[in-house]
Amino acid sequence: MNSFSLSLSLFQDQLLFCDDCDRGYHMYCLNPPMAEPPEGSWSCHLCLEQLKEKASTYANKP
């Protein structure tokens, strides 16, 4: 295996998928970057924003 293939395989192992929308994210591209995959479920920033908006809307209903 050449160094390019080795580097590519290491980066592919660092792909993390959101449990809500199935979008894929490189762990090193997240802010802050993740060194290890989280235990349990994980939600991306887009899904967390949607959840916050829904919670805010629900909390503001009379």
PDB file of N, CA and C in Angstrom:
ATOM      1  N   MET A   1       0.858  -1.178   0.000  1.00  0.00           N
ATOM      2  CA  MET A   1       0.000   0.000   0.000  1.00  0.00           C
ATOM      3  C   MET A   1       0.902   1.238   0.000  1.00  0.00           C
ATOM      4  N   ASN A   2       0.639   2.160  -0.915  1.00  0.00           N
ATOM      5  CA  ASN A   2       1.453   3.378  -0.947  1.00  0.00           C
ATOM      6  C   ASN A   2       0.947   4.378   0.092  1.00  0.00           C
ATOM      7  N   SER A   3       1.708   5.442   0.302  1.00  0.00           N
ATOM      8  CA  SER A   3       1.370   6.401   1.364  1.00  0.00           C
ATOM      9  C   SER A   3       0.052   7.119   1.083  1.00  0.00           C
ATOM     10  N   PHE A   4      -0.268   7.372  -0.201  1.00  0.00           N
ATOM     11  CA  PHE A   4      -1.542   8.025  -0.529  1.00  0.00           C
ATOM     12  C   PHE A   4      -2.710   7.126  -0.139  1.00  0.00           C
ATOM     13  N   SER A   5      -2.622   5.836  -0.450  1.00  0.00           N
ATOM     14  CA  SER A   5      -3.694   4.895  -0.103  1.00  0.00           C
ATOM     15  C   SER A   5      -3.840   4.771   1.401  1.00  0.00           C
ATOM     16  N   LEU A   6      -2.728   4.756   2.108  1.00  0.00           N
ATOM     17  CA  LEU A   6      -2.772   4.669   3.563  1.00  0.00           C
ATOM     18  C   LEU A   6      -3.435   5.910   4.146  1.00  0.00           C
ATOM     19  N   SER A   7      -3.067   7.083   3.660  1.00  0.00           N
ATOM     20  CA  SER A   7      -3.676   8.328   4.142  1.00  0.00           C
ATOM     21  C   SER A   7      -5.164   8.348   3.854  1.00  0.00           C
ATOM     22  N   LEU A   8      -5.552   7.922   2.669  1.00  0.00           N
ATOM     23  CA  LEU A   8      -6.961   7.903   2.298  1.00  0.00           C
ATOM     24  C   LEU A   8      -7.743   6.956   3.196  1.00  0.00           C
ATOM     25  N   SER A   9      -7.193   5.784   3.484  1.00  0.00           N
ATOM     26  CA  SER A   9      -7.909   4.835   4.336  1.00  0.00           C
ATOM     27  C   SER A   9      -8.027   5.353   5.763  1.00  0.00           C
ATOM     28  N   LEU A  10      -7.033   6.085   6.245  1.00  0.00           N
ATOM     29  CA  LEU A  10      -7.120   6.659   7.590  1.00  0.00           C
ATOM     30  C   LEU A  10      -8.213   7.711   7.659  1.00  0.00           C
ATOM     31  N   PHE A  11      -8.347   8.535   6.611  1.00  0.00           N
ATOM     32  CA  PHE A  11      -9.382   9.566   6.598  1.00  0.00           C
ATOM     33  C   PHE A  11     -10.768   8.957   6.472  1.00  0.00           C
ATOM     34  N   GLN A  12     -10.911   7.880   5.710  1.00  0.00           N
ATOM     35  CA  GLN A  12     -12.210   7.238   5.556  1.00  0.00           C
ATOM     36  C   GLN A  12     -12.684   6.656   6.879  1.00  0.00           C
ATOM     37  N   ASP A  13     -11.759   6.210   7.703  1.00  0.00           N
ATOM     38  CA  ASP A  13     -12.122   5.657   9.006  1.00  0.00           C
ATOM     39  C   ASP A  13     -12.627   6.736   9.946  1.00  0.00           C
ATOM     40  N   GLN A  14     -12.406   7.991   9.633  1.00  0.00           N
ATOM     41  CA  GLN A  14     -12.797   9.078  10.511  1.00  0.00           C
ATOM     42  C   GLN A  14     -14.098   9.738  10.068  1.00  0.00           C
ATOM     43  N   LEU A  15     -14.903   9.048   9.282  1.00  0.00           N
ATOM     44  CA  LEU A  15     -16.179   9.583   8.828  1.00  0.00           C
ATOM     45  C   LEU A  15     -17.254   9.253   9.858  1.00  0.00           C
ATOM     46  N   LEU A  16     -17.977  10.272  10.273  1.00  0.00           N
ATOM     47  CA  LEU A  16     -19.000  10.145  11.306  1.00  0.00           C
ATOM     48  C   LEU A  16     -20.337  10.514  10.688  1.00  0.00           C
ATOM     49  N   PHE A  17     -21.363   9.688  10.901  1.00  0.00           N
ATOM     50  CA  PHE A  17     -22.679   9.936  10.332  1.00  0.00           C
ATOM     51  C   PHE A  17     -23.657  10.361  11.410  1.00  0.00           C
ATOM     52  N   CYS A  18     -24.430  11.401  11.097  1.00  0.00           N
ATOM     53  CA  CYS A  18     -25.458  11.900  12.001  1.00  0.00           C
ATOM     54  C   CYS A  18     -26.543  10.831  12.134  1.00  0.00           C
ATOM     55  N   ASP A  19     -26.982  10.571  13.356  1.00  0.00           N
ATOM     56  CA  ASP A  19     -28.021   9.574  13.589  1.00  0.00           C
ATOM     57  C   ASP A  19     -29.405  10.072  13.197  1.00  0.00           C
ATOM     58  N   ASP A  20     -29.552  11.370  12.951  1.00  0.00           N
ATOM     59  CA  ASP A  20     -30.854  11.924  12.590  1.00  0.00           C
ATOM     60  C   ASP A  20     -31.035  12.088  11.080  1.00  0.00           C
ATOM     61  N   CYS A  21     -30.020  12.587  10.386  1.00  0.00           N
ATOM     62  CA  CYS A  21     -30.172  12.891   8.955  1.00  0.00           C
ATOM     63  C   CYS A  21     -29.254  12.057   8.059  1.00  0.00           C
ATOM     64  N   ASP A  22     -28.343  11.298   8.641  1.00  0.00           N
ATOM     65  CA  ASP A  22     -27.386  10.455   7.905  1.00  0.00           C
ATOM     66  C   ASP A  22     -26.364  11.226   7.079  1.00  0.00           C
ATOM     67  N   ARG A  23     -26.195  12.529   7.343  1.00  0.00           N
ATOM     68  CA  ARG A  23     -25.108  13.263   6.683  1.00  0.00           C
ATOM     69  C   ARG A  23     -23.785  12.756   7.252  1.00  0.00           C
ATOM     70  N   GLY A  24     -22.762  12.715   6.407  1.00  0.00           N
ATOM     71  CA  GLY A  24     -21.452  12.277   6.847  1.00  0.00           C
ATOM     72  C   GLY A  24     -20.521  13.453   7.089  1.00  0.00           C
ATOM     73  N   TYR A  25     -19.748  13.364   8.149  1.00  0.00           N
ATOM     74  CA  TYR A  25     -18.791  14.416   8.506  1.00  0.00           C
ATOM     75  C   TYR A  25     -17.452  13.770   8.841  1.00  0.00           C
ATOM     76  N   HIS A  26     -16.367  14.380   8.347  1.00  0.00           N
ATOM     77  CA  HIS A  26     -15.042  13.947   8.785  1.00  0.00           C
ATOM     78  C   HIS A  26     -14.851  14.436  10.211  1.00  0.00           C
ATOM     79  N   MET A  27     -14.381  13.577  11.078  1.00  0.00           N
ATOM     80  CA  MET A  27     -14.210  13.959  12.485  1.00  0.00           C
ATOM     81  C   MET A  27     -13.204  15.090  12.629  1.00  0.00           C
ATOM     82  N   TYR A  28     -12.214  15.152  11.750  1.00  0.00           N
ATOM     83  CA  TYR A  28     -11.202  16.208  11.840  1.00  0.00           C
ATOM     84  C   TYR A  28     -11.706  17.540  11.279  1.00  0.00           C
ATOM     85  N   CYS A  29     -12.861  17.550  10.587  1.00  0.00           N
ATOM     86  CA  CYS A  29     -13.428  18.794  10.047  1.00  0.00           C
ATOM     87  C   CYS A  29     -14.426  19.442  11.004  1.00  0.00           C
ATOM     88  N   LEU A  30     -14.848  18.720  12.028  1.00  0.00           N
ATOM     89  CA  LEU A  30     -15.814  19.270  12.976  1.00  0.00           C
ATOM     90  C   LEU A  30     -15.168  20.372  13.797  1.00  0.00           C
ATOM     91  N   ASN A  31     -15.985  21.224  14.384  1.00  0.00           N
ATOM     92  CA  ASN A  31     -15.475  22.314  15.213  1.00  0.00           C
ATOM     93  C   ASN A  31     -16.073  22.197  16.611  1.00  0.00           C
ATOM     94  N   PRO A  32     -15.324  21.739  17.573  1.00  0.00           N
ATOM     95  CA  PRO A  32     -13.915  21.317  17.522  1.00  0.00           C
ATOM     96  C   PRO A  32     -13.790  19.925  16.899  1.00  0.00           C
ATOM     97  N   PRO A  33     -12.626  19.612  16.357  1.00  0.00           N
ATOM     98  CA  PRO A  33     -12.410  18.285  15.771  1.00  0.00           C
ATOM     99  C   PRO A  33     -12.554  17.193  16.830  1.00  0.00           C
ATOM    100  N   MET A  34     -12.988  16.019  16.400  1.00  0.00           N
ATOM    101  CA  MET A  34     -13.116  14.874  17.306  1.00  0.00           C
ATOM    102  C   MET A  34     -11.961  13.914  17.057  1.00  0.00           C
ATOM    103  N   ALA A  35     -11.358  13.446  18.119  1.00  0.00           N
ATOM    104  CA  ALA A  35     -10.281  12.471  17.995  1.00  0.00           C
ATOM    105  C   ALA A  35     -10.838  11.052  17.966  1.00  0.00           C
ATOM    106  N   GLU A  36     -11.936  10.833  18.664  1.00  0.00           N
ATOM    107  CA  GLU A  36     -12.561   9.513  18.762  1.00  0.00           C
ATOM    108  C   GLU A  36     -14.049   9.648  18.470  1.00  0.00           C
ATOM    109  N   PRO A  37     -14.654   8.623  17.879  1.00  0.00           N
ATOM    110  CA  PRO A  37     -16.104   8.691  17.672  1.00  0.00           C
ATOM    111  C   PRO A  37     -16.826   8.665  19.019  1.00  0.00           C
ATOM    112  N   PRO A  38     -17.945   9.367  19.134  1.00  0.00           N
ATOM    113  CA  PRO A  38     -18.663   9.394  20.406  1.00  0.00           C
ATOM    114  C   PRO A  38     -19.341   8.054  20.681  1.00  0.00           C
ATOM    115  N   GLU A  39     -19.527   7.756  21.951  1.00  0.00           N
ATOM    116  CA  GLU A  39     -20.291   6.566  22.317  1.00  0.00           C
ATOM    117  C   GLU A  39     -21.765   6.922  22.226  1.00  0.00           C
ATOM    118  N   GLY A  40     -22.564   6.029  21.732  1.00  0.00           N
ATOM    119  CA  GLY A  40     -23.988   6.297  21.620  1.00  0.00           C
ATOM    120  C   GLY A  40     -24.313   7.092  20.374  1.00  0.00           C
ATOM    121  N   SER A  41     -25.450   7.761  20.401  1.00  0.00           N
ATOM    122  CA  SER A  41     -25.899   8.502  19.219  1.00  0.00           C
ATOM    123  C   SER A  41     -25.201   9.853  19.125  1.00  0.00           C
ATOM    124  N   TRP A  42     -25.173  10.384  17.905  1.00  0.00           N
ATOM    125  CA  TRP A  42     -24.552  11.680  17.651  1.00  0.00           C
ATOM    126  C   TRP A  42     -25.394  12.426  16.637  1.00  0.00           C
ATOM    127  N   SER A  43     -25.638  13.712  16.871  1.00  0.00           N
ATOM    128  CA  SER A  43     -26.392  14.570  15.958  1.00  0.00           C
ATOM    129  C   SER A  43     -25.496  15.693  15.463  1.00  0.00           C
ATOM    130  N   CYS A  44     -25.605  15.994  14.176  1.00  0.00           N
ATOM    131  CA  CYS A  44     -24.797  17.058  13.579  1.00  0.00           C
ATOM    132  C   CYS A  44     -25.316  18.432  13.998  1.00  0.00           C
ATOM    133  N   HIS A  45     -24.551  19.468  13.703  1.00  0.00           N
ATOM    134  CA  HIS A  45     -24.923  20.829  14.089  1.00  0.00           C
ATOM    135  C   HIS A  45     -26.215  21.281  13.417  1.00  0.00           C
ATOM    136  N   LEU A  46     -26.471  20.822  12.195  1.00  0.00           N
ATOM    137  CA  LEU A  46     -27.707  21.211  11.506  1.00  0.00           C
ATOM    138  C   LEU A  46     -28.933  20.631  12.209  1.00  0.00           C
ATOM    139  N   CYS A  47     -28.854  19.379  12.597  1.00  0.00           N
ATOM    140  CA  CYS A  47     -29.975  18.741  13.295  1.00  0.00           C
ATOM    141  C   CYS A  47     -30.151  19.322  14.693  1.00  0.00           C
ATOM    142  N   LEU A  48     -29.057  19.660  15.364  1.00  0.00           N
ATOM    143  CA  LEU A  48     -29.162  20.280  16.686  1.00  0.00           C
ATOM    144  C   LEU A  48     -29.842  21.639  16.593  1.00  0.00           C
ATOM    145  N   GLU A  49     -29.538  22.413  15.541  1.00  0.00           N
ATOM    146  CA  GLU A  49     -30.194  23.713  15.344  1.00  0.00           C
ATOM    147  C   GLU A  49     -31.688  23.534  15.118  1.00  0.00           C
ATOM    148  N   GLN A  50     -32.065  22.545  14.305  1.00  0.00           N
ATOM    149  CA  GLN A  50     -33.485  22.280  14.061  1.00  0.00           C
ATOM    150  C   GLN A  50     -34.187  21.883  15.355  1.00  0.00           C
ATOM    151  N   LEU A  51     -33.528  21.083  16.157  1.00  0.00           N
ATOM    152  CA  LEU A  51     -34.105  20.658  17.429  1.00  0.00           C
ATOM    153  C   LEU A  51     -34.300  21.851  18.361  1.00  0.00           C
ATOM    154  N   LYS A  52     -33.324  22.756  18.399  1.00  0.00           N
ATOM    155  CA  LYS A  52     -33.446  23.965  19.224  1.00  0.00           C
ATOM    156  C   LYS A  52     -34.614  24.826  18.759  1.00  0.00           C
ATOM    157  N   GLU A  53     -34.766  24.972  17.432  1.00  0.00           N
ATOM    158  CA  GLU A  53     -35.865  25.771  16.885  1.00  0.00           C
ATOM    159  C   GLU A  53     -37.217  25.157  17.245  1.00  0.00           C
ATOM    160  N   LYS A  54     -37.327  23.840  17.123  1.00  0.00           N
ATOM    161  CA  LYS A  54     -38.580  23.165  17.463  1.00  0.00           C
ATOM    162  C   LYS A  54     -38.884  23.310  18.946  1.00  0.00           C
ATOM    163  N   ALA A  55     -37.871  23.161  19.782  1.00  0.00           N
ATOM    164  CA  ALA A  55     -38.067  23.295  21.229  1.00  0.00           C
ATOM    165  C   ALA A  55     -38.479  24.715  21.583  1.00  0.00           C
ATOM    166  N   SER A  56     -37.879  25.694  20.933  1.00  0.00           N
ATOM    167  CA  SER A  56     -38.208  27.090  21.192  1.00  0.00           C
ATOM    168  C   SER A  56     -39.641  27.391  20.765  1.00  0.00           C
ATOM    169  N   THR A  57     -40.031  26.889  19.614  1.00  0.00           N
ATOM    170  CA  THR A  57     -41.399  27.087  19.123  1.00  0.00           C
ATOM    171  C   THR A  57     -42.400  26.444  20.070  1.00  0.00           C
ATOM    172  N   TYR A  58     -42.095  25.245  20.521  1.00  0.00           N
ATOM    173  CA  TYR A  58     -42.982  24.526  21.437  1.00  0.00           C
ATOM    174  C   TYR A  58     -43.086  25.259  22.774  1.00  0.00           C
ATOM    175  N   ALA A  59     -41.974  25.758  23.278  1.00  0.00           N
ATOM    176  CA  ALA A  59     -41.951  26.451  24.573  1.00  0.00           C
ATOM    177  C   ALA A  59     -42.712  27.775  24.515  1.00  0.00           C
ATOM    178  N   ASN A  60     -42.773  28.402  23.346  1.00  0.00           N
ATOM    179  CA  ASN A  60     -43.435  29.701  23.204  1.00  0.00           C
ATOM    180  C   ASN A  60     -44.922  29.599  22.869  1.00  0.00           C
ATOM    181  N   LYS A  61     -45.444  28.381  22.696  1.00  0.00           N
ATOM    182  CA  LYS A  61     -46.873  28.224  22.400  1.00  0.00           C
ATOM    183  C   LYS A  61     -47.680  28.438  23.675  1.00  0.00           C
ATOM    184  N   PRO A  62     -48.827  29.128  23.544  1.00  0.00           N
ATOM    185  CA  PRO A  62     -49.669  29.370  24.732  1.00  0.00           C
ATOM    186  C   PRO A  62     -50.361  28.110  25.212  1.00  0.00           C
TER     187      PRO A  62
END
